[in-house]
Amino acid sequence: MDSKTQPYPIKYYKEVNAKAVEWLWYPYIAYGKITIIQGDPGEGKSTVAINLAAAISNGEPMPLENEKIEPQAVVYQNSEDGKEDTIVPRLIACGANLDKVSYIDEDEATVELGDERLEKVIEETGARVLILDPIQAYWGANTDMNRAGAIRPIMNHLAHIAERRHCAIIMVGHMNKANGKGLYRGLGSIDIAAAARSVLLVAKLSSQPNMRVLSHVKSNLAPLGDSILFSVDNKSVVSWMRRSKITAEQVLDESYDDEYSKTDHAILIIKKNMESGECSANQILQQCEMNGISKRTVNAAKVRLNIASVKRKDGWYWVLDEDNQSDDAE
């Protein structure tokens, strides 16, 4: 029979049962889909990935959410950091359930994106999340990341794995040095980002190096989510602070309001000083002044945190007030 006359399957969309997208973290990470977390070296993208893995393994709420999830297995595949001296200490510092975080041993054979072990490890561990960090390490020596023809079959293969296993695949990636929109800053072909349903940017705020931001660059399944400001301590534990209207483009071209970022820096200082409860107003004001933050900006941060001023024998103190907005800084 002529190949042109061979039957081929034709299906109609009326035969397809519609279903809702299942979310790990709306609108940033969906189950059964590919998500990319990208950023320059040292900006904190791997730190974000490890903190998310720890939270998922314990069933903790996703950042700035209130609802807990079921504790879930996570595969965290990392080719750059040492397991004994970096990955495990970070997971422990984040409080991860190490019984639920696994990896493929690469001592005898390195993992590549077309590797059948990726789907097998998801099946055998029951993982709902697979993290590949950094994704550039797993393309394979003979794959040209800049050639669409080489990238598309691999990304399609990963997308099918994610869908079949109802698993969120998170690809952590470095960025190139080009200017332009965040979607075009990822290393390799634009087809990599095109295949992902969500792309997230992790970056430091240039005027406030202690402050970092997670920004939503691309979203195919829901409206773009707000950016999220966070800080990282010396053990790589993330403190998620609050949502922000800063966009990824503003972060990349540094066009956001500097005074706005200083308010966030003031919030960080206040929170650290009040970890154990109330704190001297003078102590907080002095620390903020040392960091170039004005009293007006500190007051804005104080109001945002819902802090009240209380007079003690030795001076004014700040305390959290759940019912009332605070006065100006004393």
C-alpha atoms as a PDB file:
ATOM      1  CA  MET A   1       0.000   0.000   0.000  1.00  0.00           C
ATOM      2  CA  ASP A   2       1.240   3.469  -0.885  1.00  0.00           C
ATOM      3  CA  SER A   3       2.430   5.279   2.246  1.00  0.00           C
ATOM      4  CA  LYS A   4       0.313   8.264   1.215  1.00  0.00           C
ATOM      5  CA  THR A   5      -2.863   6.191   1.423  1.00  0.00           C
ATOM      6  CA  GLN A   6      -2.085   4.519   4.751  1.00  0.00           C
ATOM      7  CA  PRO A   7      -4.706   5.283   7.384  1.00  0.00           C
ATOM      8  CA  TYR A   8      -3.760   7.640  10.165  1.00  0.00           C
ATOM      9  CA  PRO A   9      -5.728   8.508  13.288  1.00  0.00           C
ATOM     10  CA  ILE A  10      -7.964  11.554  13.243  1.00  0.00           C
ATOM     11  CA  LYS A  11      -9.552  12.584  16.522  1.00  0.00           C
ATOM     12  CA  TYR A  12     -12.019  15.302  17.454  1.00  0.00           C
ATOM     13  CA  TYR A  13     -11.703  17.567  20.448  1.00  0.00           C
ATOM     14  CA  LYS A  14     -15.226  16.667  21.533  1.00  0.00           C
ATOM     15  CA  GLU A  15     -13.764  13.295  22.540  1.00  0.00           C
ATOM     16  CA  VAL A  16     -11.341  14.968  24.968  1.00  0.00           C
ATOM     17  CA  ASN A  17     -12.410  15.359  28.582  1.00  0.00           C
ATOM     18  CA  ALA A  18     -11.528  18.834  29.777  1.00  0.00           C
ATOM     19  CA  LYS A  19      -9.796  19.116  33.143  1.00  0.00           C
ATOM     20  CA  ALA A  20      -8.448  21.909  35.304  1.00  0.00           C
ATOM     21  CA  VAL A  21      -4.753  22.604  35.742  1.00  0.00           C
ATOM     22  CA  GLU A  22      -3.448  21.188  39.023  1.00  0.00           C
ATOM     23  CA  TRP A  23      -1.197  23.599  40.856  1.00  0.00           C
ATOM     24  CA  LEU A  24       1.663  23.096  43.258  1.00  0.00           C
ATOM     25  CA  TRP A  25       1.954  26.858  43.689  1.00  0.00           C
ATOM     26  CA  TYR A  26      -0.504  29.075  41.821  1.00  0.00           C
ATOM     27  CA  PRO A  27       0.288  30.730  39.428  1.00  0.00           C
ATOM     28  CA  TYR A  28       3.991  29.912  39.467  1.00  0.00           C
ATOM     29  CA  ILE A  29       4.394  26.113  39.345  1.00  0.00           C
ATOM     30  CA  ALA A  30       1.897  23.602  37.921  1.00  0.00           C
ATOM     31  CA  TYR A  31       1.937  19.832  38.216  1.00  0.00           C
ATOM     32  CA  GLY A  32       2.399  18.013  34.936  1.00  0.00           C
ATOM     33  CA  LYS A  33       4.198  20.977  33.367  1.00  0.00           C
ATOM     34  CA  ILE A  34       7.701  22.421  32.980  1.00  0.00           C
ATOM     35  CA  THR A  35       8.771  25.465  34.978  1.00  0.00           C
ATOM     36  CA  ILE A  36      12.076  27.313  34.582  1.00  0.00           C
ATOM     37  CA  ILE A  37      13.808  29.189  37.407  1.00  0.00           C
ATOM     38  CA  GLN A  38      16.585  31.301  35.898  1.00  0.00           C
ATOM     39  CA  GLY A  39      19.080  33.853  37.128  1.00  0.00           C
ATOM     40  CA  ASP A  40      22.693  34.950  37.054  1.00  0.00           C
ATOM     41  CA  PRO A  41      25.288  32.983  39.077  1.00  0.00           C
ATOM     42  CA  GLY A  42      25.120  33.729  42.790  1.00  0.00           C
ATOM     43  CA  GLU A  43      21.687  35.373  42.666  1.00  0.00           C
ATOM     44  CA  GLY A  44      19.975  32.565  44.581  1.00  0.00           C
ATOM     45  CA  LYS A  45      18.104  30.407  42.066  1.00  0.00           C
ATOM     46  CA  SER A  46      19.480  27.130  43.508  1.00  0.00           C
ATOM     47  CA  THR A  47      18.768  28.426  46.995  1.00  0.00           C
ATOM     48  CA  VAL A  48      15.141  29.043  46.017  1.00  0.00           C
ATOM     49  CA  ALA A  49      14.947  25.531  44.525  1.00  0.00           C
ATOM     50  CA  ILE A  50      16.321  23.890  47.687  1.00  0.00           C
ATOM     51  CA  ASN A  51      13.979  25.863  49.931  1.00  0.00           C
ATOM     52  CA  LEU A  52      11.013  24.855  47.770  1.00  0.00           C
ATOM     53  CA  ALA A  53      12.140  21.209  47.878  1.00  0.00           C
ATOM     54  CA  ALA A  54      12.352  21.362  51.675  1.00  0.00           C
ATOM     55  CA  ALA A  55       8.879  22.869  52.013  1.00  0.00           C
ATOM     56  CA  ILE A  56       7.348  20.329  49.608  1.00  0.00           C
ATOM     57  CA  SER A  57       8.962  17.390  51.433  1.00  0.00           C
ATOM     58  CA  ASN A  58       7.293  18.524  54.666  1.00  0.00           C
ATOM     59  CA  GLY A  59       3.946  19.564  53.208  1.00  0.00           C
ATOM     60  CA  GLU A  60       4.516  23.157  54.242  1.00  0.00           C
ATOM     61  CA  PRO A  61       2.629  26.006  52.547  1.00  0.00           C
ATOM     62  CA  MET A  62       4.249  27.462  49.477  1.00  0.00           C
ATOM     63  CA  PRO A  63       5.814  30.932  49.922  1.00  0.00           C
ATOM     64  CA  LEU A  64       3.370  33.506  51.312  1.00  0.00           C
ATOM     65  CA  GLU A  65       0.541  30.968  51.197  1.00  0.00           C
ATOM     66  CA  ASN A  66      -1.389  29.686  54.223  1.00  0.00           C
ATOM     67  CA  GLU A  67      -2.687  26.308  53.113  1.00  0.00           C
ATOM     68  CA  LYS A  68      -0.518  23.271  53.772  1.00  0.00           C
ATOM     69  CA  ILE A  69      -0.054  20.577  51.145  1.00  0.00           C
ATOM     70  CA  GLU A  70       0.480  16.851  51.491  1.00  0.00           C
ATOM     71  CA  PRO A  71       4.168  15.985  52.115  1.00  0.00           C
ATOM     72  CA  GLN A  72       5.517  14.901  48.756  1.00  0.00           C
ATOM     73  CA  ALA A  73       8.584  13.189  47.366  1.00  0.00           C
ATOM     74  CA  VAL A  74      11.066  15.368  45.466  1.00  0.00           C
ATOM     75  CA  VAL A  75      13.914  14.411  43.135  1.00  0.00           C
ATOM     76  CA  TYR A  76      16.634  17.065  43.342  1.00  0.00           C
ATOM     77  CA  GLN A  77      19.316  16.455  40.714  1.00  0.00           C
ATOM     78  CA  ASN A  78      22.289  18.814  41.105  1.00  0.00           C
ATOM     79  CA  SER A  79      25.559  18.525  39.197  1.00  0.00           C
ATOM     80  CA  GLU A  80      27.443  21.563  40.528  1.00  0.00           C
ATOM     81  CA  ASP A  81      27.371  21.409  44.333  1.00  0.00           C
ATOM     82  CA  GLY A  82      28.844  18.782  46.635  1.00  0.00           C
ATOM     83  CA  LYS A  83      26.262  16.581  48.306  1.00  0.00           C
ATOM     84  CA  GLU A  84      28.092  16.165  51.608  1.00  0.00           C
ATOM     85  CA  ASP A  85      29.314  19.719  52.175  1.00  0.00           C
ATOM     86  CA  THR A  86      26.688  21.811  50.373  1.00  0.00           C
ATOM     87  CA  ILE A  87      23.409  20.169  49.371  1.00  0.00           C
ATOM     88  CA  VAL A  88      22.712  18.120  52.511  1.00  0.00           C
ATOM     89  CA  PRO A  89      23.707  20.935  54.944  1.00  0.00           C
ATOM     90  CA  ARG A  90      21.413  23.320  53.064  1.00  0.00           C
ATOM     91  CA  LEU A  91      18.524  20.858  53.066  1.00  0.00           C
ATOM     92  CA  ILE A  92      18.995  20.260  56.797  1.00  0.00           C
ATOM     93  CA  ALA A  93      19.142  24.022  57.486  1.00  0.00           C
ATOM     94  CA  CYS A  94      15.863  24.400  55.586  1.00  0.00           C
ATOM     95  CA  GLY A  95      14.299  21.611  57.641  1.00  0.00           C
ATOM     96  CA  ALA A  96      13.813  19.218  54.722  1.00  0.00           C
ATOM     97  CA  ASN A  97      12.511  15.699  55.253  1.00  0.00           C
ATOM     98  CA  LEU A  98      15.518  13.886  53.773  1.00  0.00           C
ATOM     99  CA  ASP A  99      13.528  10.650  53.521  1.00  0.00           C
ATOM    100  CA  LYS A 100      11.517  12.328  50.766  1.00  0.00           C
ATOM    101  CA  VAL A 101      14.331  14.009  48.799  1.00  0.00           C
ATOM    102  CA  SER A 102      16.222  11.727  46.416  1.00  0.00           C
ATOM    103  CA  TYR A 103      18.609  11.861  43.461  1.00  0.00           C
ATOM    104  CA  ILE A 104      19.990   9.633  40.716  1.00  0.00           C
ATOM    105  CA  ASP A 105      23.524   8.443  41.457  1.00  0.00           C
ATOM    106  CA  GLU A 106      25.721   9.614  38.566  1.00  0.00           C
ATOM    107  CA  ASP A 107      28.972   7.941  39.621  1.00  0.00           C
ATOM    108  CA  GLU A 108      28.844   5.459  36.751  1.00  0.00           C
ATOM    109  CA  ALA A 109      26.784   7.356  34.183  1.00  0.00           C
ATOM    110  CA  THR A 110      25.846  11.031  34.040  1.00  0.00           C
ATOM    111  CA  VAL A 111      22.221  11.958  33.616  1.00  0.00           C
ATOM    112  CA  GLU A 112      21.010  13.524  30.364  1.00  0.00           C
ATOM    113  CA  LEU A 113      17.583  14.927  29.538  1.00  0.00           C
ATOM    114  CA  GLY A 114      16.767  12.027  27.228  1.00  0.00           C
ATOM    115  CA  ASP A 115      17.766   9.539  29.935  1.00  0.00           C
ATOM    116  CA  GLU A 116      15.097   6.935  30.721  1.00  0.00           C
ATOM    117  CA  ARG A 117      16.164   7.096  34.379  1.00  0.00           C
ATOM    118  CA  LEU A 118      14.415  10.447  34.761  1.00  0.00           C
ATOM    119  CA  GLU A 119      10.990   8.893  34.300  1.00  0.00           C
ATOM    120  CA  LYS A 120      11.959   5.779  36.244  1.00  0.00           C
ATOM    121  CA  VAL A 121      13.045   7.729  39.326  1.00  0.00           C
ATOM    122  CA  ILE A 122       9.754   9.642  39.301  1.00  0.00           C
ATOM    123  CA  GLU A 123       7.837   6.358  39.070  1.00  0.00           C
ATOM    124  CA  GLU A 124       9.862   4.544  41.735  1.00  0.00           C
ATOM    125  CA  THR A 125       9.906   7.366  44.297  1.00  0.00           C
ATOM    126  CA  GLY A 126       6.414   8.673  43.584  1.00  0.00           C
ATOM    127  CA  ALA A 127       7.915  12.158  43.222  1.00  0.00           C
ATOM    128  CA  ARG A 128       5.551  14.988  42.372  1.00  0.00           C
ATOM    129  CA  VAL A 129       8.473  17.356  41.743  1.00  0.00           C
ATOM    130  CA  LEU A 130      11.684  16.859  39.745  1.00  0.00           C
ATOM    131  CA  ILE A 131      14.320  19.602  39.950  1.00  0.00           C
ATOM    132  CA  LEU A 132      17.232  19.699  37.473  1.00  0.00           C
ATOM    133  CA  ASP A 133      19.960  22.099  38.610  1.00  0.00           C
ATOM    134  CA  PRO A 134      21.488  23.529  36.470  1.00  0.00           C
ATOM    135  CA  ILE A 135      19.703  22.451  33.345  1.00  0.00           C
ATOM    136  CA  GLN A 136      22.745  23.295  31.198  1.00  0.00           C
ATOM    137  CA  ALA A 137      24.568  20.304  32.719  1.00  0.00           C
ATOM    138  CA  TYR A 138      22.007  17.781  31.475  1.00  0.00           C
ATOM    139  CA  TRP A 139      21.653  18.481  27.754  1.00  0.00           C
ATOM    140  CA  GLY A 140      24.383  16.044  26.802  1.00  0.00           C
ATOM    141  CA  ALA A 141      27.745  16.659  25.177  1.00  0.00           C
ATOM    142  CA  ASN A 142      26.416  16.366  21.625  1.00  0.00           C
ATOM    143  CA  THR A 143      23.408  18.656  22.028  1.00  0.00           C
ATOM    144  CA  ASP A 144      23.596  22.193  20.666  1.00  0.00           C
ATOM    145  CA  MET A 145      21.513  24.269  23.092  1.00  0.00           C
ATOM    146  CA  ASN A 146      21.255  27.082  20.559  1.00  0.00           C
ATOM    147  CA  ARG A 147      19.753  24.972  17.781  1.00  0.00           C
ATOM    148  CA  ALA A 148      15.972  24.713  17.859  1.00  0.00           C
ATOM    149  CA  GLY A 149      15.974  21.408  15.964  1.00  0.00           C
ATOM    150  CA  ALA A 150      18.052  19.799  18.710  1.00  0.00           C
ATOM    151  CA  ILE A 151      16.150  21.363  21.608  1.00  0.00           C
ATOM    152  CA  ARG A 152      12.511  20.805  20.637  1.00  0.00           C
ATOM    153  CA  PRO A 153      12.478  16.974  20.725  1.00  0.00           C
ATOM    154  CA  ILE A 154      14.142  16.980  24.143  1.00  0.00           C
ATOM    155  CA  MET A 155      11.763  19.543  25.602  1.00  0.00           C
ATOM    156  CA  ASN A 156       8.788  17.685  24.126  1.00  0.00           C
ATOM    157  CA  HIS A 157      10.079  14.474  25.720  1.00  0.00           C
ATOM    158  CA  LEU A 158      10.333  16.169  29.140  1.00  0.00           C
ATOM    159  CA  ALA A 159       6.890  17.713  28.763  1.00  0.00           C
ATOM    160  CA  HIS A 160       5.408  14.268  28.054  1.00  0.00           C
ATOM    161  CA  ILE A 161       7.127  12.827  31.142  1.00  0.00           C
ATOM    162  CA  ALA A 162       5.731  15.635  33.279  1.00  0.00           C
ATOM    163  CA  GLU A 163       2.230  15.056  31.921  1.00  0.00           C
ATOM    164  CA  ARG A 164       2.302  11.262  32.160  1.00  0.00           C
ATOM    165  CA  ARG A 165       3.594  11.292  35.745  1.00  0.00           C
ATOM    166  CA  HIS A 166       1.629  14.365  36.898  1.00  0.00           C
ATOM    167  CA  CYS A 167       4.970  15.706  38.049  1.00  0.00           C
ATOM    168  CA  ALA A 168       6.170  19.314  38.136  1.00  0.00           C
ATOM    169  CA  ILE A 169       9.528  19.486  36.378  1.00  0.00           C
ATOM    170  CA  ILE A 170      11.568  22.496  37.478  1.00  0.00           C
ATOM    171  CA  MET A 171      14.589  23.426  35.385  1.00  0.00           C
ATOM    172  CA  VAL A 172      17.101  25.735  37.086  1.00  0.00           C
ATOM    173  CA  GLY A 173      19.117  27.677  34.528  1.00  0.00           C
ATOM    174  CA  HIS A 174      21.830  30.289  34.103  1.00  0.00           C
ATOM    175  CA  MET A 175      21.259  33.435  32.055  1.00  0.00           C
ATOM    176  CA  ASN A 176      23.208  34.954  29.194  1.00  0.00           C
ATOM    177  CA  LYS A 177      24.694  38.456  29.179  1.00  0.00           C
ATOM    178  CA  ALA A 178      22.447  39.892  26.493  1.00  0.00           C
ATOM    179  CA  ASN A 179      20.157  42.829  27.090  1.00  0.00           C
ATOM    180  CA  GLY A 180      16.432  42.563  26.619  1.00  0.00           C
ATOM    181  CA  LYS A 181      13.422  40.842  28.116  1.00  0.00           C
ATOM    182  CA  GLY A 182      13.902  38.125  30.706  1.00  0.00           C
ATOM    183  CA  LEU A 183      12.479  35.468  28.403  1.00  0.00           C
ATOM    184  CA  TYR A 184      15.416  35.957  26.029  1.00  0.00           C
ATOM    185  CA  ARG A 185      18.077  35.995  28.763  1.00  0.00           C
ATOM    186  CA  GLY A 186      18.089  32.245  29.359  1.00  0.00           C
ATOM    187  CA  LEU A 187      21.040  30.349  27.922  1.00  0.00           C
ATOM    188  CA  GLY A 188      20.368  28.491  24.700  1.00  0.00           C
ATOM    189  CA  SER A 189      17.512  28.510  22.219  1.00  0.00           C
ATOM    190  CA  ILE A 190      14.328  30.448  22.937  1.00  0.00           C
ATOM    191  CA  ASP A 191      12.582  27.105  22.372  1.00  0.00           C
ATOM    192  CA  ILE A 192      13.667  26.107  25.897  1.00  0.00           C
ATOM    193  CA  ALA A 193      11.634  28.893  27.462  1.00  0.00           C
ATOM    194  CA  ALA A 194       8.877  28.414  24.874  1.00  0.00           C
ATOM    195  CA  ALA A 195       8.347  24.816  26.015  1.00  0.00           C
ATOM    196  CA  ALA A 196       8.040  25.850  29.665  1.00  0.00           C
ATOM    197  CA  ARG A 197       4.601  26.885  30.887  1.00  0.00           C
ATOM    198  CA  SER A 198       6.104  29.190  33.510  1.00  0.00           C
ATOM    199  CA  VAL A 199       9.409  31.054  33.717  1.00  0.00           C
ATOM    200  CA  LEU A 200      10.641  32.666  36.941  1.00  0.00           C
ATOM    201  CA  LEU A 201      13.540  35.080  37.428  1.00  0.00           C
ATOM    202  CA  VAL A 202      15.649  35.232  40.599  1.00  0.00           C
ATOM    203  CA  ALA A 203      17.759  38.359  41.050  1.00  0.00           C
ATOM    204  CA  LYS A 204      19.284  40.695  43.600  1.00  0.00           C
ATOM    205  CA  LEU A 205      18.047  44.263  43.863  1.00  0.00           C
ATOM    206  CA  SER A 206      21.051  46.325  42.810  1.00  0.00           C
ATOM    207  CA  SER A 207      20.478  49.105  45.344  1.00  0.00           C
ATOM    208  CA  GLN A 208      19.784  46.685  48.195  1.00  0.00           C
ATOM    209  CA  PRO A 209      22.111  43.657  47.833  1.00  0.00           C
ATOM    210  CA  ASN A 210      20.576  41.919  50.856  1.00  0.00           C
ATOM    211  CA  MET A 211      17.198  41.904  49.144  1.00  0.00           C
ATOM    212  CA  ARG A 212      16.274  39.504  46.359  1.00  0.00           C
ATOM    213  CA  VAL A 213      13.252  39.077  44.161  1.00  0.00           C
ATOM    214  CA  LEU A 214      11.453  36.207  42.464  1.00  0.00           C
ATOM    215  CA  SER A 215       9.671  37.614  39.405  1.00  0.00           C
ATOM    216  CA  HIS A 216       7.267  35.935  37.007  1.00  0.00           C
ATOM    217  CA  VAL A 217       8.595  36.307  33.456  1.00  0.00           C
ATOM    218  CA  LYS A 218       6.187  34.054  31.565  1.00  0.00           C
ATOM    219  CA  SER A 219       2.921  32.281  32.317  1.00  0.00           C
ATOM    220  CA  ASN A 220       0.878  30.274  29.804  1.00  0.00           C
ATOM    221  CA  LEU A 221      -1.660  28.841  32.238  1.00  0.00           C
ATOM    222  CA  ALA A 222      -2.655  31.813  34.396  1.00  0.00           C
ATOM    223  CA  PRO A 223      -2.066  35.558  34.712  1.00  0.00           C
ATOM    224  CA  LEU A 224       1.449  36.556  35.738  1.00  0.00           C
ATOM    225  CA  GLY A 225       1.873  36.400  39.492  1.00  0.00           C
ATOM    226  CA  ASP A 226       3.250  39.222  41.630  1.00  0.00           C
ATOM    227  CA  SER A 227       6.959  39.333  42.291  1.00  0.00           C
ATOM    228  CA  ILE A 228       8.005  38.077  45.720  1.00  0.00           C
ATOM    229  CA  LEU A 229      10.731  39.721  47.800  1.00  0.00           C
ATOM    230  CA  PHE A 230      12.926  37.559  49.986  1.00  0.00           C
ATOM    231  CA  SER A 231      16.223  37.446  51.863  1.00  0.00           C
ATOM    232  CA  VAL A 232      18.743  34.635  52.354  1.00  0.00           C
ATOM    233  CA  ASP A 233      20.745  33.974  55.522  1.00  0.00           C
ATOM    234  CA  ASN A 234      24.275  32.535  55.740  1.00  0.00           C
ATOM    235  CA  LYS A 235      22.883  28.974  55.765  1.00  0.00           C
ATOM    236  CA  SER A 236      20.932  29.502  52.536  1.00  0.00           C
ATOM    237  CA  VAL A 237      17.576  29.627  54.316  1.00  0.00           C
ATOM    238  CA  VAL A 238      15.086  31.903  52.561  1.00  0.00           C
ATOM    239  CA  SER A 239      12.844  34.332  54.432  1.00  0.00           C
ATOM    240  CA  TRP A 240       9.898  35.105  52.164  1.00  0.00           C
ATOM    241  CA  MET A 241       8.883  38.694  52.863  1.00  0.00           C
ATOM    242  CA  ARG A 242       6.023  39.955  50.741  1.00  0.00           C
ATOM    243  CA  ARG A 243       4.592  40.377  47.284  1.00  0.00           C
ATOM    244  CA  SER A 244       5.695  43.275  45.101  1.00  0.00           C
ATOM    245  CA  LYS A 245       4.572  44.923  41.863  1.00  0.00           C
ATOM    246  CA  ILE A 246       8.178  45.130  40.631  1.00  0.00           C
ATOM    247  CA  THR A 247       8.348  43.402  37.245  1.00  0.00           C
ATOM    248  CA  ALA A 248      11.101  41.213  35.853  1.00  0.00           C
ATOM    249  CA  GLU A 249      11.871  43.851  33.200  1.00  0.00           C
ATOM    250  CA  GLN A 250      12.261  46.526  35.895  1.00  0.00           C
ATOM    251  CA  VAL A 251      14.630  44.289  37.840  1.00  0.00           C
ATOM    252  CA  LEU A 252      16.759  43.539  34.778  1.00  0.00           C
ATOM    253  CA  ASP A 253      17.067  47.153  33.618  1.00  0.00           C
ATOM    254  CA  GLU A 254      17.121  48.538  37.194  1.00  0.00           C
ATOM    255  CA  SER A 255      14.249  50.924  36.478  1.00  0.00           C
ATOM    256  CA  TYR A 256      12.321  50.295  39.687  1.00  0.00           C
ATOM    257  CA  ASP A 257      11.910  53.019  42.313  1.00  0.00           C
ATOM    258  CA  ASP A 258      14.945  53.085  44.600  1.00  0.00           C
ATOM    259  CA  GLU A 259      12.936  54.441  47.524  1.00  0.00           C
ATOM    260  CA  TYR A 260      10.538  51.547  47.119  1.00  0.00           C
ATOM    261  CA  SER A 261      13.378  49.045  47.438  1.00  0.00           C
ATOM    262  CA  LYS A 262      14.662  50.889  50.510  1.00  0.00           C
ATOM    263  CA  THR A 263      11.293  50.354  52.167  1.00  0.00           C
ATOM    264  CA  ASP A 264      11.748  46.637  51.582  1.00  0.00           C
ATOM    265  CA  HIS A 265      15.244  46.823  53.037  1.00  0.00           C
ATOM    266  CA  ALA A 266      13.823  48.574  56.106  1.00  0.00           C
ATOM    267  CA  ILE A 267      11.237  45.792  56.451  1.00  0.00           C
ATOM    268  CA  LEU A 268      14.035  43.235  56.420  1.00  0.00           C
ATOM    269  CA  ILE A 269      15.961  45.087  59.150  1.00  0.00           C
ATOM    270  CA  ILE A 270      12.853  45.498  61.318  1.00  0.00           C
ATOM    271  CA  LYS A 271      11.924  41.829  60.998  1.00  0.00           C
ATOM    272  CA  LYS A 272      15.392  40.667  61.972  1.00  0.00           C
ATOM    273  CA  ASN A 273      15.411  42.926  65.031  1.00  0.00           C
ATOM    274  CA  MET A 274      11.961  41.773  66.107  1.00  0.00           C
ATOM    275  CA  GLU A 275      12.471  38.034  65.682  1.00  0.00           C
ATOM    276  CA  SER A 276      12.331  37.558  69.457  1.00  0.00           C
ATOM    277  CA  GLY A 277       9.558  40.062  70.068  1.00  0.00           C
ATOM    278  CA  GLU A 278       9.561  43.765  70.805  1.00  0.00           C
ATOM    279  CA  CYS A 279      12.641  45.845  70.094  1.00  0.00           C
ATOM    280  CA  SER A 280      13.963  49.295  70.949  1.00  0.00           C
ATOM    281  CA  ALA A 281      12.852  51.868  68.388  1.00  0.00           C
ATOM    282  CA  ASN A 282      16.237  53.610  68.635  1.00  0.00           C
ATOM    283  CA  GLN A 283      18.060  50.369  67.808  1.00  0.00           C
ATOM    284  CA  ILE A 284      16.034  49.869  64.640  1.00  0.00           C
ATOM    285  CA  LEU A 285      16.261  53.514  63.569  1.00  0.00           C
ATOM    286  CA  GLN A 286      20.031  53.548  64.057  1.00  0.00           C
ATOM    287  CA  GLN A 287      20.523  50.393  62.004  1.00  0.00           C
ATOM    288  CA  CYS A 288      18.348  51.748  59.224  1.00  0.00           C
ATOM    289  CA  GLU A 289      20.219  55.062  59.255  1.00  0.00           C
ATOM    290  CA  MET A 290      23.533  53.171  58.949  1.00  0.00           C
ATOM    291  CA  ASN A 291      22.116  51.582  55.795  1.00  0.00           C
ATOM    292  CA  GLY A 292      21.124  54.920  54.290  1.00  0.00           C
ATOM    293  CA  ILE A 293      17.406  54.550  55.010  1.00  0.00           C
ATOM    294  CA  SER A 294      15.491  57.681  55.992  1.00  0.00           C
ATOM    295  CA  LYS A 295      13.149  57.922  58.982  1.00  0.00           C
ATOM    296  CA  ARG A 296      10.245  58.519  56.596  1.00  0.00           C
ATOM    297  CA  THR A 297      11.001  55.257  54.822  1.00  0.00           C
ATOM    298  CA  VAL A 298      11.313  53.420  58.141  1.00  0.00           C
ATOM    299  CA  ASN A 299       7.888  54.744  59.137  1.00  0.00           C
ATOM    300  CA  ALA A 300       6.421  53.416  55.884  1.00  0.00           C
ATOM    301  CA  ALA A 301       7.897  50.002  56.627  1.00  0.00           C
ATOM    302  CA  LYS A 302       6.589  50.174  60.198  1.00  0.00           C
ATOM    303  CA  VAL A 303       3.037  50.842  59.015  1.00  0.00           C
ATOM    304  CA  ARG A 304       3.234  48.054  56.467  1.00  0.00           C
ATOM    305  CA  LEU A 305       4.256  45.583  59.184  1.00  0.00           C
ATOM    306  CA  ASN A 306       1.445  46.765  61.481  1.00  0.00           C
ATOM    307  CA  ILE A 307       3.810  47.718  64.345  1.00  0.00           C
ATOM    308  CA  ALA A 308       2.823  49.838  67.333  1.00  0.00           C
ATOM    309  CA  SER A 309       5.012  52.006  69.575  1.00  0.00           C
ATOM    310  CA  VAL A 310       4.946  51.382  73.331  1.00  0.00           C
ATOM    311  CA  LYS A 311       6.561  53.578  75.995  1.00  0.00           C
ATOM    312  CA  ARG A 312       8.805  51.734  78.507  1.00  0.00           C
ATOM    313  CA  LYS A 313      10.881  53.067  81.376  1.00  0.00           C
ATOM    314  CA  ASP A 314      14.015  53.097  79.232  1.00  0.00           C
ATOM    315  CA  GLY A 315      12.434  54.479  76.057  1.00  0.00           C
ATOM    316  CA  TRP A 316      10.169  53.630  73.120  1.00  0.00           C
ATOM    317  CA  TYR A 317       9.762  50.038  71.910  1.00  0.00           C
ATOM    318  CA  TRP A 318       8.138  48.578  68.828  1.00  0.00           C
ATOM    319  CA  VAL A 319       5.685  45.695  69.179  1.00  0.00           C
ATOM    320  CA  LEU A 320       3.496  43.868  66.698  1.00  0.00           C
ATOM    321  CA  ASP A 321      -0.073  45.117  66.821  1.00  0.00           C
ATOM    322  CA  GLU A 322      -2.578  42.873  65.063  1.00  0.00           C
ATOM    323  CA  ASP A 323      -5.507  45.200  65.633  1.00  0.00           C
ATOM    324  CA  ASN A 324      -4.247  48.724  65.072  1.00  0.00           C
ATOM    325  CA  GLN A 325      -2.007  50.525  62.628  1.00  0.00           C
ATOM    326  CA  SER A 326       1.110  51.924  64.286  1.00  0.00           C
ATOM    327  CA  ASP A 327       1.996  55.554  64.916  1.00  0.00           C
ATOM    328  CA  ASP A 328       5.004  57.273  63.374  1.00  0.00           C
ATOM    329  CA  ALA A 329       8.420  56.165  64.640  1.00  0.00           C
ATOM    330  CA  GLU A 330       9.239  57.638  68.007  1.00  0.00           C
END
